Amino acid sequence: MHTWRCSADVNRTADEFGLMLFALLQTADVSPDSLRGVAISSVVPPLGSMLVRTCEQYLRLEPLLVGPGIKTGLPMKCDSPKDVGADRVVNAVAAVHYYGAPAIVVKLGTATTLCVIDNSGAYLGGIIAAGIRTAMDALSQQAAKLPLVELGYPPQLVGKNTVNSMQSGAVYGAASFIDGLVHRIEDTMNTKFAVVATGGLVDLVAHHSEAIGHVHPHLTMEGLRLLWERNRSD
C-alpha cells in the first residue's frame, strides 16, 4: 500500500489535481494504466466533485464517490443517515469488517469523533468534538499569554513550563477524554465494545489511552477498498 497526505485545496483545478496524482504515482512506480478503480470519500462537496472530474479526465475511470445510494452493508439507525460524514461511514465499514461488532471507531484528526456500531452491525450515531490541533490553535488565539505550540509528547505529565503544560493537556487530555467517553458509552449501553482508533494524530494519543484496543492508521483506506469491492460492476 502507498499512502500520501496532501492539503485539501478547493481552489485547485482538475488539471492541477491530475498532475499531482501522476507525480505521486510516479514516485511509487505505479502506472496509471494499472489502476482498476478509484473510491473517493470527501466531506468537502466541491473537492469531491473536482476529484471525480480528475479521475474521469486523467485516469479514464469513473470513481465511486461515497454517499447516499451506494452499497455499504452498514444499516443506519441514526436520525438522519444522509448527514453522516462519508469518512465516518467508511471507517465504520472497515471497523466491522476487521474487528466485528459492537465497535467504537475513534478518529483523531481535525475533529475528534467517536462512532458507535451496535452488536447487530448497525451504525447508531456518535460524538463529535474539537480535534487536538484545532483545540490547541483556539487556545493560543483566545488566551493572550499562551503561545502556538507544536504538538508532541511532553517529558512528564505535570509540565514544568508553559509549552510542556500545553502539550500534556493536549495529549493526556485527549486520551482521558476518549477513555471517559468510551466508559460512559459502555456503561449506558451495558455493552463491551471493540475500540479502534485511526486518523492523522492517532500515534500521538492512542498509546496513552486505556480504552483503545486497536490502532489502525489506514482504516479509511481499507474501508474505501471494501466499499469499492461491494459496489464494483462485474
Protein backbone atom coordinates (compact mmCIF):
# COMPACT_ATOMS: atom_id res chain seq x y z
CA MET A 1 0.00 0.00 0.00
CA HIS A 2 1.21 3.50 -0.85
CA THR A 3 -0.22 6.48 1.01
CA TRP A 4 0.30 10.23 0.76
CA ARG A 5 -1.05 13.24 2.65
CA CYS A 6 -1.84 16.39 0.64
CA SER A 7 -3.57 19.63 1.51
CA ALA A 8 -7.27 19.77 0.58
CA ASP A 9 -7.17 22.94 -1.50
CA VAL A 10 -10.60 23.54 -3.05
CA ASN A 11 -9.08 26.18 -5.36
CA ARG A 12 -7.06 23.62 -7.30
CA THR A 13 -8.31 22.72 -10.77
CA ALA A 14 -8.82 19.22 -12.15
CA ASP A 15 -5.63 19.73 -14.17
CA GLU A 16 -3.63 20.55 -11.04
CA PHE A 17 -5.01 17.53 -9.22
CA GLY A 18 -4.26 15.38 -12.26
CA LEU A 19 -0.63 16.49 -12.44
CA MET A 20 -0.19 15.96 -8.70
CA LEU A 21 -1.76 12.50 -8.94
CA PHE A 22 0.53 11.45 -11.77
CA ALA A 23 3.59 12.72 -9.88
CA LEU A 24 2.63 10.77 -6.74
CA LEU A 25 2.01 7.57 -8.68
CA GLN A 26 5.38 8.00 -10.38
CA THR A 27 7.19 8.20 -7.04
CA ALA A 28 5.69 4.80 -6.17
CA ASP A 29 6.49 3.39 -9.63
CA VAL A 30 2.79 2.75 -10.26
CA SER A 31 1.47 3.11 -13.79
CA PRO A 32 -1.89 4.92 -14.07
CA ASP A 33 -2.91 2.28 -16.63
CA SER A 34 -2.59 -0.43 -13.97
CA LEU A 35 -5.34 1.05 -11.79
CA ARG A 36 -8.62 -0.90 -11.77
CA GLY A 37 -10.78 1.52 -9.82
CA VAL A 38 -10.97 4.59 -7.61
CA ALA A 39 -13.00 5.28 -4.47
CA ILE A 40 -13.39 8.79 -3.05
CA SER A 41 -14.57 9.88 0.38
CA SER A 42 -14.94 13.63 0.84
CA VAL A 43 -16.63 15.84 3.43
CA VAL A 44 -15.99 18.91 1.25
CA PRO A 45 -18.54 18.75 -1.62
CA PRO A 46 -16.63 20.97 -4.11
CA LEU A 47 -13.50 18.89 -3.57
CA GLY A 48 -15.31 15.62 -4.09
CA SER A 49 -16.79 16.67 -7.43
CA MET A 50 -13.41 18.04 -8.54
CA LEU A 51 -11.68 14.74 -7.75
CA VAL A 52 -14.36 12.86 -9.69
CA ARG A 53 -13.61 15.00 -12.76
CA THR A 54 -9.89 14.46 -12.26
CA CYS A 55 -10.29 10.67 -12.27
CA GLU A 56 -12.55 10.70 -15.31
CA GLN A 57 -10.25 13.02 -17.26
CA TYR A 58 -6.81 11.72 -16.29
CA LEU A 59 -7.35 8.10 -15.28
CA ARG A 60 -10.32 7.41 -17.55
CA LEU A 61 -12.06 5.74 -14.63
CA GLU A 62 -15.45 6.50 -13.13
CA PRO A 63 -14.76 6.68 -9.39
CA LEU A 64 -17.01 5.54 -6.59
CA LEU A 65 -17.95 8.62 -4.57
CA VAL A 66 -19.08 7.57 -1.09
CA GLY A 67 -22.55 8.96 -0.41
CA PRO A 68 -26.25 8.11 -0.28
CA GLY A 69 -27.27 5.32 -2.61
CA ILE A 70 -24.14 3.17 -2.57
CA LYS A 71 -23.99 -0.32 -1.09
CA THR A 72 -22.33 -0.17 2.32
CA GLY A 73 -23.70 -3.19 4.17
CA LEU A 74 -23.99 -0.84 7.15
CA PRO A 75 -27.54 -0.38 8.47
CA MET A 76 -28.11 3.18 9.70
CA LYS A 77 -30.11 3.66 12.90
CA CYS A 78 -29.33 7.35 13.40
CA ASP A 79 -31.84 10.17 12.88
CA SER A 80 -30.51 11.46 9.55
CA PRO A 81 -28.29 8.95 7.73
CA LYS A 82 -27.66 11.27 4.78
CA ASP A 83 -26.00 13.78 7.12
CA VAL A 84 -23.42 11.32 8.43
CA GLY A 85 -19.98 12.22 7.09
CA ALA A 86 -18.63 9.93 4.38
CA ASP A 87 -15.44 9.34 6.34
CA ARG A 88 -17.41 8.09 9.34
CA VAL A 89 -19.32 5.61 7.17
CA VAL A 90 -16.10 4.38 5.56
CA ASN A 91 -14.38 3.89 8.92
CA ALA A 92 -17.38 2.08 10.39
CA VAL A 93 -17.50 -0.34 7.46
CA ALA A 94 -13.81 -1.17 7.90
CA ALA A 95 -14.06 -1.47 11.69
CA VAL A 96 -16.90 -4.01 11.50
CA HIS A 97 -15.04 -5.96 8.80
CA TYR A 98 -11.80 -6.23 10.76
CA TYR A 99 -12.90 -6.18 14.39
CA GLY A 100 -16.55 -7.20 14.37
CA ALA A 101 -19.48 -5.62 16.21
CA PRO A 102 -20.17 -3.94 18.54
CA ALA A 103 -17.42 -1.41 17.90
CA ILE A 104 -16.46 2.18 18.56
CA VAL A 105 -14.32 4.00 16.00
CA VAL A 106 -12.22 6.85 17.34
CA LYS A 107 -10.85 9.20 14.70
CA LEU A 108 -8.23 11.73 15.72
CA GLY A 109 -7.96 14.46 13.12
CA THR A 110 -9.30 17.97 12.58
CA ALA A 111 -12.16 16.78 14.78
CA THR A 112 -12.10 14.03 17.38
CA THR A 113 -15.01 11.74 16.64
CA LEU A 114 -16.41 8.55 18.15
CA CYS A 115 -18.74 6.43 16.02
CA VAL A 116 -20.80 3.70 17.67
CA ILE A 117 -21.81 0.45 15.95
CA ASP A 118 -24.14 -1.86 17.86
CA ASN A 119 -23.91 -5.64 18.19
CA SER A 120 -26.02 -6.12 15.05
CA GLY A 121 -23.51 -4.14 12.98
CA ALA A 122 -25.74 -1.06 12.67
CA TYR A 123 -24.45 2.49 12.90
CA LEU A 124 -26.12 4.21 15.87
CA GLY A 125 -24.50 7.65 15.83
CA GLY A 126 -21.60 9.20 17.64
CA ILE A 127 -19.85 12.06 19.32
CA ILE A 128 -18.03 14.99 17.68
CA ALA A 129 -15.57 17.26 19.49
CA ALA A 130 -12.79 19.65 18.53
CA GLY A 131 -9.63 17.93 17.34
CA ILE A 132 -6.41 18.21 19.31
CA ARG A 133 -4.72 20.61 16.92
CA THR A 134 -7.94 22.59 16.48
CA ALA A 135 -8.31 23.00 20.25
CA MET A 136 -4.65 23.96 20.69
CA ASP A 137 -4.87 26.62 17.98
CA ALA A 138 -8.05 28.05 19.54
CA LEU A 139 -6.39 28.11 22.97
CA SER A 140 -3.41 30.12 21.76
CA GLN A 141 -5.69 32.53 19.85
CA GLN A 142 -8.05 33.15 22.74
CA ALA A 143 -5.52 33.30 25.59
CA ALA A 144 -3.08 36.14 25.03
CA LYS A 145 -0.23 34.68 27.06
CA LEU A 146 -0.39 31.15 25.62
CA PRO A 147 1.81 30.54 22.56
CA LEU A 148 1.14 28.45 19.48
CA VAL A 149 2.70 25.13 20.47
CA GLU A 150 3.91 22.25 18.33
CA LEU A 151 2.12 19.02 19.16
CA GLY A 152 4.38 16.44 20.74
CA TYR A 153 4.96 14.26 23.78
CA PRO A 154 5.63 16.21 26.98
CA PRO A 155 8.58 14.92 29.04
CA GLN A 156 6.26 14.31 32.00
CA LEU A 157 2.60 14.52 32.93
CA VAL A 158 2.94 17.67 35.03
CA GLY A 159 4.53 20.27 32.78
CA LYS A 160 7.40 22.33 34.17
CA ASN A 161 6.85 25.15 31.68
CA THR A 162 4.05 26.57 29.53
CA VAL A 163 4.91 24.61 26.39
CA ASN A 164 5.14 21.25 28.17
CA SER A 165 1.99 22.02 30.17
CA MET A 166 0.04 22.66 26.97
CA GLN A 167 1.43 19.53 25.34
CA SER A 168 0.45 17.50 28.38
CA GLY A 169 -3.04 18.95 28.29
CA ALA A 170 -3.35 18.09 24.61
CA VAL A 171 -2.01 14.52 24.68
CA TYR A 172 -3.15 13.24 28.07
CA GLY A 173 -6.30 15.33 27.96
CA ALA A 174 -7.30 13.71 24.66
CA ALA A 175 -6.53 10.22 25.99
CA SER A 176 -8.57 10.81 29.16
CA PHE A 177 -11.37 12.35 27.09
CA ILE A 178 -11.58 9.23 24.93
CA ASP A 179 -11.37 6.87 27.91
CA GLY A 180 -14.12 8.74 29.71
CA LEU A 181 -16.49 8.74 26.75
CA VAL A 182 -15.92 5.07 25.95
CA HIS A 183 -16.62 4.21 29.59
CA ARG A 184 -19.84 6.25 29.53
CA ILE A 185 -20.98 4.61 26.28
CA GLU A 186 -20.27 1.10 27.56
CA ASP A 187 -21.94 1.85 30.90
CA THR A 188 -25.02 3.36 29.24
CA MET A 189 -25.45 0.51 26.76
CA ASN A 190 -24.24 -2.22 29.14
CA THR A 191 -22.00 -3.50 26.34
CA LYS A 192 -18.28 -4.05 25.89
CA PHE A 193 -17.04 -2.60 22.57
CA ALA A 194 -14.03 -3.22 20.38
CA VAL A 195 -12.42 0.23 20.26
CA VAL A 196 -10.33 1.04 17.20
CA ALA A 197 -8.53 4.33 16.62
CA THR A 198 -7.41 5.96 13.39
CA GLY A 199 -6.65 9.41 11.98
CA GLY A 200 -3.63 11.62 11.46
CA LEU A 201 -3.00 12.14 15.19
CA VAL A 202 -3.64 8.58 16.31
CA ASP A 203 0.01 7.78 17.10
CA LEU A 204 0.23 10.80 19.39
CA VAL A 205 -2.61 9.73 21.68
CA ALA A 206 -3.61 6.09 21.29
CA HIS A 207 -0.82 4.58 23.37
CA HIS A 208 -1.83 6.73 26.35
CA SER A 209 -5.45 5.56 26.23
CA GLU A 210 -6.65 2.61 28.26
CA ALA A 211 -9.84 2.20 26.23
CA ILE A 212 -8.33 1.98 22.73
CA GLY A 213 -7.67 -1.66 21.91
CA HIS A 214 -6.69 -1.41 18.26
CA VAL A 215 -4.74 1.19 16.27
CA HIS A 216 -5.39 1.12 12.53
CA PRO A 217 -3.80 4.15 10.78
CA HIS A 218 -5.11 3.12 7.35
CA LEU A 219 -8.65 2.21 8.42
CA THR A 220 -10.17 4.75 6.00
CA MET A 221 -8.18 3.38 3.06
CA GLU A 222 -9.27 -0.16 3.89
CA GLY A 223 -12.87 0.98 4.16
CA LEU A 224 -12.72 2.63 0.74
CA ARG A 225 -11.33 -0.57 -0.75
CA LEU A 226 -14.13 -2.61 0.81
CA LEU A 227 -16.79 -0.22 -0.47
CA TRP A 228 -15.33 -0.24 -3.96
CA GLU A 229 -15.39 -4.04 -3.99
CA ARG A 230 -19.02 -4.09 -2.81
CA ASN A 231 -20.13 -1.64 -5.49
CA ARG A 232 -18.00 -2.56 -8.49
CA SER A 233 -19.61 -3.80 -11.66
CA ASP A 234 -18.67 -7.31 -12.77
